[in-house]
């Protein structure tokens, strides 16, 4: 991993920690464990990502690590700060499993 990607990885990990701490979100270990992989995918030329077209797509099947994907997308400018800061709040499009929208009520 070159110095650019090492710095990106540190920045993404910092975003993850701030995000999960603010939202009191679970699974910080899952998010941190996949940070380097997501940086390798999104910061290299491997994934020709185009947010308009789904021609080249990435699917994260490790849902407990969604904070890592959100951190990368935020760092790349694909999620704005207000949306990023809304992680885990009611009505946010960025949810975690303790969010009210996903709780079953009787």
PDB file of N, CA and C in Angstrom:
ATOM      1  N   UNK A   1       0.860  -1.178   0.000  1.00  0.00           N
ATOM      2  CA  UNK A   1       0.000   0.000   0.000  1.00  0.00           C
ATOM      3  C   UNK A   1       0.901   1.235   0.000  1.00  0.00           C
ATOM      4  N   UNK A   2       0.679   2.134  -0.947  1.00  0.00           N
ATOM      5  CA  UNK A   2       1.498   3.340  -1.020  1.00  0.00           C
ATOM      6  C   UNK A   2       1.078   4.360   0.038  1.00  0.00           C
ATOM      7  N   UNK A   3       1.845   5.440   0.168  1.00  0.00           N
ATOM      8  CA  UNK A   3       1.586   6.424   1.223  1.00  0.00           C
ATOM      9  C   UNK A   3       0.233   7.124   1.043  1.00  0.00           C
ATOM     10  N   UNK A   4      -0.175   7.340  -0.200  1.00  0.00           N
ATOM     11  CA  UNK A   4      -1.486   7.944  -0.460  1.00  0.00           C
ATOM     12  C   UNK A   4      -2.602   7.073   0.119  1.00  0.00           C
ATOM     13  N   UNK A   5      -2.515   5.775  -0.137  1.00  0.00           N
ATOM     14  CA  UNK A   5      -3.561   4.864   0.342  1.00  0.00           C
ATOM     15  C   UNK A   5      -3.460   4.664   1.852  1.00  0.00           C
ATOM     16  N   UNK A   6      -2.261   4.686   2.417  1.00  0.00           N
ATOM     17  CA  UNK A   6      -2.113   4.582   3.878  1.00  0.00           C
ATOM     18  C   UNK A   6      -2.766   5.781   4.557  1.00  0.00           C
ATOM     19  N   UNK A   7      -2.533   6.966   4.018  1.00  0.00           N
ATOM     20  CA  UNK A   7      -3.157   8.168   4.576  1.00  0.00           C
ATOM     21  C   UNK A   7      -4.671   8.130   4.424  1.00  0.00           C
ATOM     22  N   UNK A   8      -5.138   7.656   3.277  1.00  0.00           N
ATOM     23  CA  UNK A   8      -6.585   7.525   3.054  1.00  0.00           C
ATOM     24  C   UNK A   8      -7.184   6.547   4.054  1.00  0.00           C
ATOM     25  N   UNK A   9      -6.491   5.457   4.312  1.00  0.00           N
ATOM     26  CA  UNK A   9      -6.977   4.455   5.260  1.00  0.00           C
ATOM     27  C   UNK A   9      -7.074   5.029   6.674  1.00  0.00           C
ATOM     28  N   UNK A  10      -6.083   5.802   7.076  1.00  0.00           N
ATOM     29  CA  UNK A  10      -6.115   6.438   8.399  1.00  0.00           C
ATOM     30  C   UNK A  10      -7.284   7.411   8.496  1.00  0.00           C
ATOM     31  N   UNK A  11      -7.494   8.172   7.429  1.00  0.00           N
ATOM     32  CA  UNK A  11      -8.586   9.141   7.398  1.00  0.00           C
ATOM     33  C   UNK A  11      -9.938   8.435   7.470  1.00  0.00           C
ATOM     34  N   UNK A  12     -10.087   7.359   6.723  1.00  0.00           N
ATOM     35  CA  UNK A  12     -11.336   6.589   6.735  1.00  0.00           C
ATOM     36  C   UNK A  12     -11.580   5.990   8.113  1.00  0.00           C
ATOM     37  N   UNK A  13     -10.546   5.435   8.736  1.00  0.00           N
ATOM     38  CA  UNK A  13     -10.698   4.885  10.086  1.00  0.00           C
ATOM     39  C   UNK A  13     -11.117   5.966  11.084  1.00  0.00           C
ATOM     40  N   UNK A  14     -10.573   7.149  10.930  1.00  0.00           N
ATOM     41  CA  UNK A  14     -10.962   8.260  11.799  1.00  0.00           C
ATOM     42  C   UNK A  14     -12.436   8.610  11.583  1.00  0.00           C
ATOM     43  N   UNK A  15     -12.865   8.669  10.332  1.00  0.00           N
ATOM     44  CA  UNK A  15     -14.285   8.919  10.029  1.00  0.00           C
ATOM     45  C   UNK A  15     -15.173   7.841  10.663  1.00  0.00           C
ATOM     46  N   UNK A  16     -14.738   6.575  10.568  1.00  0.00           N
ATOM     47  CA  UNK A  16     -15.518   5.466  11.132  1.00  0.00           C
ATOM     48  C   UNK A  16     -15.694   5.658  12.634  1.00  0.00           C
ATOM     49  N   UNK A  17     -14.598   5.931  13.329  1.00  0.00           N
ATOM     50  CA  UNK A  17     -14.660   6.076  14.789  1.00  0.00           C
ATOM     51  C   UNK A  17     -15.553   7.240  15.199  1.00  0.00           C
ATOM     52  N   UNK A  18     -15.443   8.358  14.503  1.00  0.00           N
ATOM     53  CA  UNK A  18     -16.301   9.509  14.812  1.00  0.00           C
ATOM     54  C   UNK A  18     -17.765   9.180  14.553  1.00  0.00           C
ATOM     55  N   UNK A  19     -18.020   8.497  13.444  1.00  0.00           N
ATOM     56  CA  UNK A  19     -19.379   8.152  13.046  1.00  0.00           C
ATOM     57  C   UNK A  19     -20.049   7.225  14.055  1.00  0.00           C
ATOM     58  N   UNK A  20     -19.390   6.137  14.389  1.00  0.00           N
ATOM     59  CA  UNK A  20     -20.016   5.166  15.293  1.00  0.00           C
ATOM     60  C   UNK A  20     -20.105   5.689  16.725  1.00  0.00           C
ATOM     61  N   UNK A  21     -19.138   6.507  17.133  1.00  0.00           N
ATOM     62  CA  UNK A  21     -19.207   7.085  18.476  1.00  0.00           C
ATOM     63  C   UNK A  21     -20.396   8.028  18.599  1.00  0.00           C
ATOM     64  N   UNK A  22     -20.556   8.898  17.609  1.00  0.00           N
ATOM     65  CA  UNK A  22     -21.655   9.862  17.634  1.00  0.00           C
ATOM     66  C   UNK A  22     -23.013   9.167  17.624  1.00  0.00           C
ATOM     67  N   UNK A  23     -23.132   8.093  16.856  1.00  0.00           N
ATOM     68  CA  UNK A  23     -24.411   7.395  16.709  1.00  0.00           C
ATOM     69  C   UNK A  23     -24.595   6.269  17.722  1.00  0.00           C
ATOM     70  N   UNK A  24     -23.604   6.039  18.576  1.00  0.00           N
ATOM     71  CA  UNK A  24     -23.639   4.899  19.508  1.00  0.00           C
ATOM     72  C   UNK A  24     -23.947   3.610  18.756  1.00  0.00           C
ATOM     73  N   UNK A  25     -23.301   3.459  17.619  1.00  0.00           N
ATOM     74  CA  UNK A  25     -23.568   2.322  16.730  1.00  0.00           C
ATOM     75  C   UNK A  25     -22.739   1.102  17.132  1.00  0.00           C
ATOM     76  N   UNK A  26     -23.264  -0.075  16.879  1.00  0.00           N
ATOM     77  CA  UNK A  26     -22.528  -1.303  17.150  1.00  0.00           C
ATOM     78  C   UNK A  26     -21.584  -1.660  15.997  1.00  0.00           C
ATOM     79  N   UNK A  27     -20.817  -2.667  16.199  1.00  0.00           N
ATOM     80  CA  UNK A  27     -19.995  -3.300  15.158  1.00  0.00           C
ATOM     81  C   UNK A  27     -18.854  -2.433  14.633  1.00  0.00           C
ATOM     82  N   UNK A  28     -18.228  -1.682  15.507  1.00  0.00           N
ATOM     83  CA  UNK A  28     -17.098  -0.866  15.072  1.00  0.00           C
ATOM     84  C   UNK A  28     -15.955  -1.754  14.573  1.00  0.00           C
ATOM     85  N   UNK A  29     -15.783  -2.919  15.172  1.00  0.00           N
ATOM     86  CA  UNK A  29     -14.723  -3.844  14.745  1.00  0.00           C
ATOM     87  C   UNK A  29     -14.909  -4.309  13.312  1.00  0.00           C
ATOM     88  N   UNK A  30     -16.144  -4.592  12.933  1.00  0.00           N
ATOM     89  CA  UNK A  30     -16.430  -5.006  11.555  1.00  0.00           C
ATOM     90  C   UNK A  30     -16.085  -3.905  10.566  1.00  0.00           C
ATOM     91  N   UNK A  31     -16.418  -2.675  10.931  1.00  0.00           N
ATOM     92  CA  UNK A  31     -16.144  -1.546  10.043  1.00  0.00           C
ATOM     93  C   UNK A  31     -14.636  -1.312   9.917  1.00  0.00           C
ATOM     94  N   UNK A  32     -13.927  -1.352  11.031  1.00  0.00           N
ATOM     95  CA  UNK A  32     -12.484  -1.121  10.986  1.00  0.00           C
ATOM     96  C   UNK A  32     -11.760  -2.238  10.244  1.00  0.00           C
ATOM     97  N   UNK A  33     -12.276  -3.455  10.341  1.00  0.00           N
ATOM     98  CA  UNK A  33     -11.594  -4.590   9.714  1.00  0.00           C
ATOM     99  C   UNK A  33     -11.672  -4.577   8.187  1.00  0.00           C
ATOM    100  N   UNK A  34     -12.614  -3.845   7.638  1.00  0.00           N
ATOM    101  CA  UNK A  34     -12.762  -3.812   6.181  1.00  0.00           C
ATOM    102  C   UNK A  34     -12.283  -2.487   5.571  1.00  0.00           C
ATOM    103  N   UNK A  35     -11.821  -1.564   6.401  1.00  0.00           N
ATOM    104  CA  UNK A  35     -11.413  -0.238   5.923  1.00  0.00           C
ATOM    105  C   UNK A  35     -10.326  -0.316   4.859  1.00  0.00           C
ATOM    106  N   UNK A  36      -9.289  -1.104   5.079  1.00  0.00           N
ATOM    107  CA  UNK A  36      -8.200  -1.195   4.098  1.00  0.00           C
ATOM    108  C   UNK A  36      -8.679  -1.775   2.775  1.00  0.00           C
ATOM    109  N   UNK A  37      -9.582  -2.724   2.838  1.00  0.00           N
ATOM    110  CA  UNK A  37     -10.111  -3.337   1.614  1.00  0.00           C
ATOM    111  C   UNK A  37     -10.898  -2.301   0.807  1.00  0.00           C
ATOM    112  N   UNK A  38     -11.752  -1.540   1.492  1.00  0.00           N
ATOM    113  CA  UNK A  38     -12.535  -0.519   0.797  1.00  0.00           C
ATOM    114  C   UNK A  38     -11.647   0.583   0.234  1.00  0.00           C
ATOM    115  N   UNK A  39     -10.611   0.959   0.964  1.00  0.00           N
ATOM    116  CA  UNK A  39      -9.669   1.957   0.449  1.00  0.00           C
ATOM    117  C   UNK A  39      -8.971   1.415  -0.791  1.00  0.00           C
ATOM    118  N   UNK A  40      -8.555   0.164  -0.760  1.00  0.00           N
ATOM    119  CA  UNK A  40      -7.898  -0.444  -1.920  1.00  0.00           C
ATOM    120  C   UNK A  40      -8.816  -0.447  -3.138  1.00  0.00           C
ATOM    121  N   UNK A  41     -10.102  -0.658  -2.914  1.00  0.00           N
ATOM    122  CA  UNK A  41     -11.061  -0.687  -4.024  1.00  0.00           C
ATOM    123  C   UNK A  41     -11.373   0.723  -4.532  1.00  0.00           C
ATOM    124  N   UNK A  42     -11.716   1.638  -3.617  1.00  0.00           N
ATOM    125  CA  UNK A  42     -12.191   2.956  -4.026  1.00  0.00           C
ATOM    126  C   UNK A  42     -11.090   3.960  -4.341  1.00  0.00           C
ATOM    127  N   UNK A  43      -9.901   3.776  -3.797  1.00  0.00           N
ATOM    128  CA  UNK A  43      -8.840   4.757  -4.000  1.00  0.00           C
ATOM    129  C   UNK A  43      -7.828   4.328  -5.057  1.00  0.00           C
ATOM    130  N   UNK A  44      -7.933   3.116  -5.514  1.00  0.00           N
ATOM    131  CA  UNK A  44      -7.085   2.672  -6.621  1.00  0.00           C
ATOM    132  C   UNK A  44      -7.901   2.798  -7.899  1.00  0.00           C
ATOM    133  N   UNK A  45      -7.356   2.399  -8.975  1.00  0.00           N
ATOM    134  CA  UNK A  45      -8.069   2.464 -10.258  1.00  0.00           C
ATOM    135  C   UNK A  45      -8.818   1.162 -10.546  1.00  0.00           C
ATOM    136  N   UNK A  46      -8.931   0.287  -9.533  1.00  0.00           N
ATOM    137  CA  UNK A  46      -9.553  -1.027  -9.732  1.00  0.00           C
ATOM    138  C   UNK A  46     -11.045  -0.923 -10.031  1.00  0.00           C
ATOM    139  N   UNK A  47     -11.742  -0.077  -9.302  1.00  0.00           N
ATOM    140  CA  UNK A  47     -13.180   0.086  -9.486  1.00  0.00           C
ATOM    141  C   UNK A  47     -13.414   1.387 -10.234  1.00  0.00           C
ATOM    142  N   UNK A  48     -13.935   1.287 -11.417  1.00  0.00           N
ATOM    143  CA  UNK A  48     -14.257   2.478 -12.209  1.00  0.00           C
ATOM    144  C   UNK A  48     -15.648   2.931 -11.790  1.00  0.00           C
ATOM    145  N   UNK A  49     -15.711   3.596 -10.649  1.00  0.00           N
ATOM    146  CA  UNK A  49     -16.975   3.948 -10.029  1.00  0.00           C
ATOM    147  C   UNK A  49     -17.592   5.164 -10.696  1.00  0.00           C
ATOM    148  N   UNK A  50     -18.855   5.024 -11.069  1.00  0.00           N
ATOM    149  CA  UNK A  50     -19.630   6.113 -11.634  1.00  0.00           C
ATOM    150  C   UNK A  50     -20.967   6.133 -10.901  1.00  0.00           C
ATOM    151  N   UNK A  51     -21.210   7.156 -10.060  1.00  0.00           N
ATOM    152  CA  UNK A  51     -22.453   7.168  -9.270  1.00  0.00           C
ATOM    153  C   UNK A  51     -23.719   7.303 -10.106  1.00  0.00           C
ATOM    154  N   UNK A  52     -23.598   7.679 -11.367  1.00  0.00           N
ATOM    155  CA  UNK A  52     -24.763   7.825 -12.246  1.00  0.00           C
ATOM    156  C   UNK A  52     -25.136   6.489 -12.880  1.00  0.00           C
ATOM    157  N   UNK A  53     -24.130   5.733 -13.293  1.00  0.00           N
ATOM    158  CA  UNK A  53     -24.346   4.460 -13.978  1.00  0.00           C
ATOM    159  C   UNK A  53     -23.998   3.299 -13.058  1.00  0.00           C
ATOM    160  N   UNK A  54     -24.737   2.235 -13.144  1.00  0.00           N
ATOM    161  CA  UNK A  54     -24.442   1.053 -12.337  1.00  0.00           C
ATOM    162  C   UNK A  54     -23.650   0.026 -13.138  1.00  0.00           C
ATOM    163  N   UNK A  55     -22.968   0.487 -14.174  1.00  0.00           N
ATOM    164  CA  UNK A  55     -22.178  -0.408 -15.015  1.00  0.00           C
ATOM    165  C   UNK A  55     -21.097  -1.118 -14.195  1.00  0.00           C
ATOM    166  N   UNK A  56     -20.423  -0.377 -13.333  1.00  0.00           N
ATOM    167  CA  UNK A  56     -19.413  -0.950 -12.441  1.00  0.00           C
ATOM    168  C   UNK A  56     -19.925  -0.756 -11.020  1.00  0.00           C
ATOM    169  N   UNK A  57     -20.295  -1.824 -10.377  1.00  0.00           N
ATOM    170  CA  UNK A  57     -20.905  -1.725  -9.056  1.00  0.00           C
ATOM    171  C   UNK A  57     -20.104  -2.473  -8.019  1.00  0.00           C
ATOM    172  N   UNK A  58     -20.287  -2.069  -6.773  1.00  0.00           N
ATOM    173  CA  UNK A  58     -19.707  -2.750  -5.629  1.00  0.00           C
ATOM    174  C   UNK A  58     -20.832  -3.036  -4.660  1.00  0.00           C
ATOM    175  N   UNK A  59     -20.946  -4.268  -4.215  1.00  0.00           N
ATOM    176  CA  UNK A  59     -21.977  -4.650  -3.258  1.00  0.00           C
ATOM    177  C   UNK A  59     -21.300  -5.075  -1.965  1.00  0.00           C
ATOM    178  N   UNK A  60     -21.628  -4.410  -0.885  1.00  0.00           N
ATOM    179  CA  UNK A  60     -21.102  -4.765   0.431  1.00  0.00           C
ATOM    180  C   UNK A  60     -22.085  -5.724   1.081  1.00  0.00           C
ATOM    181  N   UNK A  61     -21.693  -6.985   1.196  1.00  0.00           N
ATOM    182  CA  UNK A  61     -22.591  -7.965   1.812  1.00  0.00           C
ATOM    183  C   UNK A  61     -22.305  -8.114   3.299  1.00  0.00           C
ATOM    184  N   UNK A  62     -21.333  -7.386   3.793  1.00  0.00           N
ATOM    185  CA  UNK A  62     -20.994  -7.384   5.218  1.00  0.00           C
ATOM    186  C   UNK A  62     -21.699  -6.179   5.842  1.00  0.00           C
ATOM    187  N   UNK A  63     -23.006  -6.311   6.028  1.00  0.00           N
ATOM    188  CA  UNK A  63     -23.833  -5.197   6.468  1.00  0.00           C
ATOM    189  C   UNK A  63     -23.428  -4.578   7.786  1.00  0.00           C
ATOM    190  N   UNK A  64     -22.815  -5.369   8.666  1.00  0.00           N
ATOM    191  CA  UNK A  64     -22.373  -4.821   9.942  1.00  0.00           C
ATOM    192  C   UNK A  64     -21.222  -3.840   9.778  1.00  0.00           C
ATOM    193  N   UNK A  65     -20.658  -3.762   8.583  1.00  0.00           N
ATOM    194  CA  UNK A  65     -19.534  -2.861   8.321  1.00  0.00           C
ATOM    195  C   UNK A  65     -19.955  -1.653   7.495  1.00  0.00           C
ATOM    196  N   UNK A  66     -21.248  -1.347   7.476  1.00  0.00           N
ATOM    197  CA  UNK A  66     -21.738  -0.255   6.625  1.00  0.00           C
ATOM    198  C   UNK A  66     -21.085   1.079   6.966  1.00  0.00           C
ATOM    199  N   UNK A  67     -20.709   1.294   8.224  1.00  0.00           N
ATOM    200  CA  UNK A  67     -20.062   2.552   8.607  1.00  0.00           C
ATOM    201  C   UNK A  67     -18.773   2.773   7.820  1.00  0.00           C
ATOM    202  N   UNK A  68     -18.064   1.706   7.498  1.00  0.00           N
ATOM    203  CA  UNK A  68     -16.830   1.829   6.717  1.00  0.00           C
ATOM    204  C   UNK A  68     -17.141   2.292   5.295  1.00  0.00           C
ATOM    205  N   UNK A  69     -18.166   1.732   4.693  1.00  0.00           N
ATOM    206  CA  UNK A  69     -18.545   2.156   3.340  1.00  0.00           C
ATOM    207  C   UNK A  69     -19.003   3.605   3.354  1.00  0.00           C
ATOM    208  N   UNK A  70     -19.813   3.995   4.341  1.00  0.00           N
ATOM    209  CA  UNK A  70     -20.258   5.376   4.445  1.00  0.00           C
ATOM    210  C   UNK A  70     -19.066   6.315   4.614  1.00  0.00           C
ATOM    211  N   UNK A  71     -18.078   5.914   5.397  1.00  0.00           N
ATOM    212  CA  UNK A  71     -16.886   6.743   5.616  1.00  0.00           C
ATOM    213  C   UNK A  71     -16.104   6.938   4.323  1.00  0.00           C
ATOM    214  N   UNK A  72     -15.972   5.881   3.540  1.00  0.00           N
ATOM    215  CA  UNK A  72     -15.273   5.985   2.257  1.00  0.00           C
ATOM    216  C   UNK A  72     -16.052   6.877   1.297  1.00  0.00           C
ATOM    217  N   UNK A  73     -17.342   6.662   1.196  1.00  0.00           N
ATOM    218  CA  UNK A  73     -18.165   7.470   0.290  1.00  0.00           C
ATOM    219  C   UNK A  73     -18.150   8.943   0.692  1.00  0.00           C
ATOM    220  N   UNK A  74     -18.138   9.208   1.997  1.00  0.00           N
ATOM    221  CA  UNK A  74     -18.042  10.585   2.483  1.00  0.00           C
ATOM    222  C   UNK A  74     -16.687  11.180   2.119  1.00  0.00           C
ATOM    223  N   UNK A  75     -15.633  10.436   2.351  1.00  0.00           N
ATOM    224  CA  UNK A  75     -14.288  10.928   2.061  1.00  0.00           C
ATOM    225  C   UNK A  75     -14.086  11.185   0.565  1.00  0.00           C
ATOM    226  N   UNK A  76     -14.744  10.394  -0.270  1.00  0.00           N
ATOM    227  CA  UNK A  76     -14.649  10.577  -1.724  1.00  0.00           C
ATOM    228  C   UNK A  76     -15.610  11.664  -2.240  1.00  0.00           C
ATOM    229  N   UNK A  77     -16.407  12.256  -1.353  1.00  0.00           N
ATOM    230  CA  UNK A  77     -17.324  13.315  -1.749  1.00  0.00           C
ATOM    231  C   UNK A  77     -18.630  12.837  -2.335  1.00  0.00           C
ATOM    232  N   UNK A  78     -18.946  11.561  -2.150  1.00  0.00           N
ATOM    233  CA  UNK A  78     -20.188  11.001  -2.693  1.00  0.00           C
ATOM    234  C   UNK A  78     -21.342  11.070  -1.699  1.00  0.00           C
ATOM    235  N   UNK A  79     -21.037  11.377  -0.444  1.00  0.00           N
ATOM    236  CA  UNK A  79     -22.041  11.626   0.591  1.00  0.00           C
ATOM    237  C   UNK A  79     -21.669  12.974   1.200  1.00  0.00           C
ATOM    238  N   UNK A  80     -22.637  13.882   1.300  1.00  0.00           N
ATOM    239  CA  UNK A  80     -22.315  15.184   1.889  1.00  0.00           C
ATOM    240  C   UNK A  80     -22.256  15.112   3.411  1.00  0.00           C
ATOM    241  N   UNK A  81     -21.720  16.148   4.028  1.00  0.00           N
ATOM    242  CA  UNK A  81     -21.489  16.142   5.473  1.00  0.00           C
ATOM    243  C   UNK A  81     -22.785  16.009   6.269  1.00  0.00           C
ATOM    244  N   UNK A  82     -23.827  16.703   5.864  1.00  0.00           N
ATOM    245  CA  UNK A  82     -25.083  16.624   6.627  1.00  0.00           C
ATOM    246  C   UNK A  82     -25.676  15.219   6.567  1.00  0.00           C
ATOM    247  N   UNK A  83     -25.597  14.584   5.411  1.00  0.00           N
ATOM    248  CA  UNK A  83     -26.087  13.204   5.304  1.00  0.00           C
ATOM    249  C   UNK A  83     -25.211  12.262   6.129  1.00  0.00           C
ATOM    250  N   UNK A  84     -23.905  12.447   6.046  1.00  0.00           N
ATOM    251  CA  UNK A  84     -22.965  11.620   6.807  1.00  0.00           C
ATOM    252  C   UNK A  84     -23.223  11.769   8.307  1.00  0.00           C
ATOM    253  N   UNK A  85     -23.434  12.999   8.759  1.00  0.00           N
ATOM    254  CA  UNK A  85     -23.677  13.260  10.178  1.00  0.00           C
ATOM    255  C   UNK A  85     -25.029  12.738  10.654  1.00  0.00           C
ATOM    256  N   UNK A  86     -25.936  12.419   9.723  1.00  0.00           N
ATOM    257  CA  UNK A  86     -27.258  11.917  10.110  1.00  0.00           C
ATOM    258  C   UNK A  86     -27.265  10.398  10.334  1.00  0.00           C
ATOM    259  N   UNK A  87     -26.123   9.742  10.188  1.00  0.00           N
ATOM    260  CA  UNK A  87     -26.019   8.287  10.333  1.00  0.00           C
ATOM    261  C   UNK A  87     -26.683   7.809  11.621  1.00  0.00           C
ATOM    262  N   UNK A  88     -27.608   6.870  11.473  1.00  0.00           N
ATOM    263  CA  UNK A  88     -28.269   6.258  12.622  1.00  0.00           C
ATOM    264  C   UNK A  88     -29.427   7.041  13.196  1.00  0.00           C
ATOM    265  N   UNK A  89     -29.702   8.232  12.684  1.00  0.00           N
ATOM    266  CA  UNK A  89     -30.812   9.022  13.202  1.00  0.00           C
ATOM    267  C   UNK A  89     -32.097   8.639  12.471  1.00  0.00           C
ATOM    268  N   UNK A  90     -33.211   8.840  13.134  1.00  0.00           N
ATOM    269  CA  UNK A  90     -34.496   8.555  12.496  1.00  0.00           C
ATOM    270  C   UNK A  90     -34.641   9.372  11.223  1.00  0.00           C
ATOM    271  N   UNK A  91     -35.053   8.708  10.163  1.00  0.00           N
ATOM    272  CA  UNK A  91     -35.250   9.358   8.884  1.00  0.00           C
ATOM    273  C   UNK A  91     -34.006   9.428   8.022  1.00  0.00           C
ATOM    274  N   UNK A  92     -32.868   9.029   8.542  1.00  0.00           N
ATOM    275  CA  UNK A  92     -31.633   9.065   7.762  1.00  0.00           C
ATOM    276  C   UNK A  92     -31.612   7.923   6.754  1.00  0.00           C
ATOM    277  N   UNK A  93     -30.974   8.165   5.619  1.00  0.00           N
ATOM    278  CA  UNK A  93     -30.800   7.083   4.647  1.00  0.00           C
ATOM    279  C   UNK A  93     -29.606   6.207   5.014  1.00  0.00           C
ATOM    280  N   UNK A  94     -28.826   6.652   5.981  1.00  0.00           N
ATOM    281  CA  UNK A  94     -27.656   5.888   6.453  1.00  0.00           C
ATOM    282  C   UNK A  94     -28.003   5.290   7.812  1.00  0.00           C
ATOM    283  N   UNK A  95     -28.357   4.032   7.801  1.00  0.00           N
ATOM    284  CA  UNK A  95     -28.859   3.399   9.019  1.00  0.00           C
ATOM    285  C   UNK A  95     -27.882   2.377   9.584  1.00  0.00           C
ATOM    286  N   UNK A  96     -28.044   2.084  10.854  1.00  0.00           N
ATOM    287  CA  UNK A  96     -27.379   0.954  11.481  1.00  0.00           C
ATOM    288  C   UNK A  96     -28.452   0.163  12.210  1.00  0.00           C
ATOM    289  N   UNK A  97     -28.096  -1.016  12.701  1.00  0.00           N
ATOM    290  CA  UNK A  97     -29.135  -1.920  13.187  1.00  0.00           C
ATOM    291  C   UNK A  97     -29.831  -1.485  14.466  1.00  0.00           C
ATOM    292  N   UNK A  98     -29.340  -0.489  15.160  1.00  0.00           N
ATOM    293  CA  UNK A  98     -30.033   0.002  16.343  1.00  0.00           C
ATOM    294  C   UNK A  98     -30.927   1.196  16.044  1.00  0.00           C
ATOM    295  N   UNK A  99     -30.990   1.601  14.808  1.00  0.00           N
ATOM    296  CA  UNK A  99     -31.801   2.752  14.424  1.00  0.00           C
ATOM    297  C   UNK A  99     -33.277   2.431  14.620  1.00  0.00           C
ATOM    298  N   UNK A 100     -34.032   3.421  15.012  1.00  0.00           N
ATOM    299  CA  UNK A 100     -35.452   3.226  15.299  1.00  0.00           C
ATOM    300  C   UNK A 100     -36.225   2.675  14.117  1.00  0.00           C
ATOM    301  N   UNK A 101     -35.858   3.069  12.896  1.00  0.00           N
ATOM    302  CA  UNK A 101     -36.594   2.619  11.705  1.00  0.00           C
ATOM    303  C   UNK A 101     -36.522   1.118  11.515  1.00  0.00           C
ATOM    304  N   UNK A 102     -35.562   0.472  12.120  1.00  0.00           N
ATOM    305  CA  UNK A 102     -35.406  -0.974  11.932  1.00  0.00           C
ATOM    306  C   UNK A 102     -35.852  -1.769  13.163  1.00  0.00           C
ATOM    307  N   UNK A 103     -36.317  -1.101  14.187  1.00  0.00           N
ATOM    308  CA  UNK A 103     -36.762  -1.804  15.391  1.00  0.00           C
ATOM    309  C   UNK A 103     -38.194  -2.277  15.216  1.00  0.00           C
ATOM    310  N   UNK A 104     -38.471  -3.478  15.642  1.00  0.00           N
ATOM    311  CA  UNK A 104     -39.815  -4.038  15.547  1.00  0.00           C
ATOM    312  C   UNK A 104     -40.598  -3.620  16.782  1.00  0.00           C
ATOM    313  N   UNK A 105     -41.759  -3.068  16.556  1.00  0.00           N
ATOM    314  CA  UNK A 105     -42.605  -2.659  17.676  1.00  0.00           C
ATOM    315  C   UNK A 105     -43.895  -3.452  17.633  1.00  0.00           C
ATOM    316  N   UNK A 106     -44.405  -3.759  18.798  1.00  0.00           N
ATOM    317  CA  UNK A 106     -45.666  -4.509  18.895  1.00  0.00           C
ATOM    318  C   UNK A 106     -46.761  -3.611  19.387  1.00  0.00           C
TER     319      UNK A 106
END
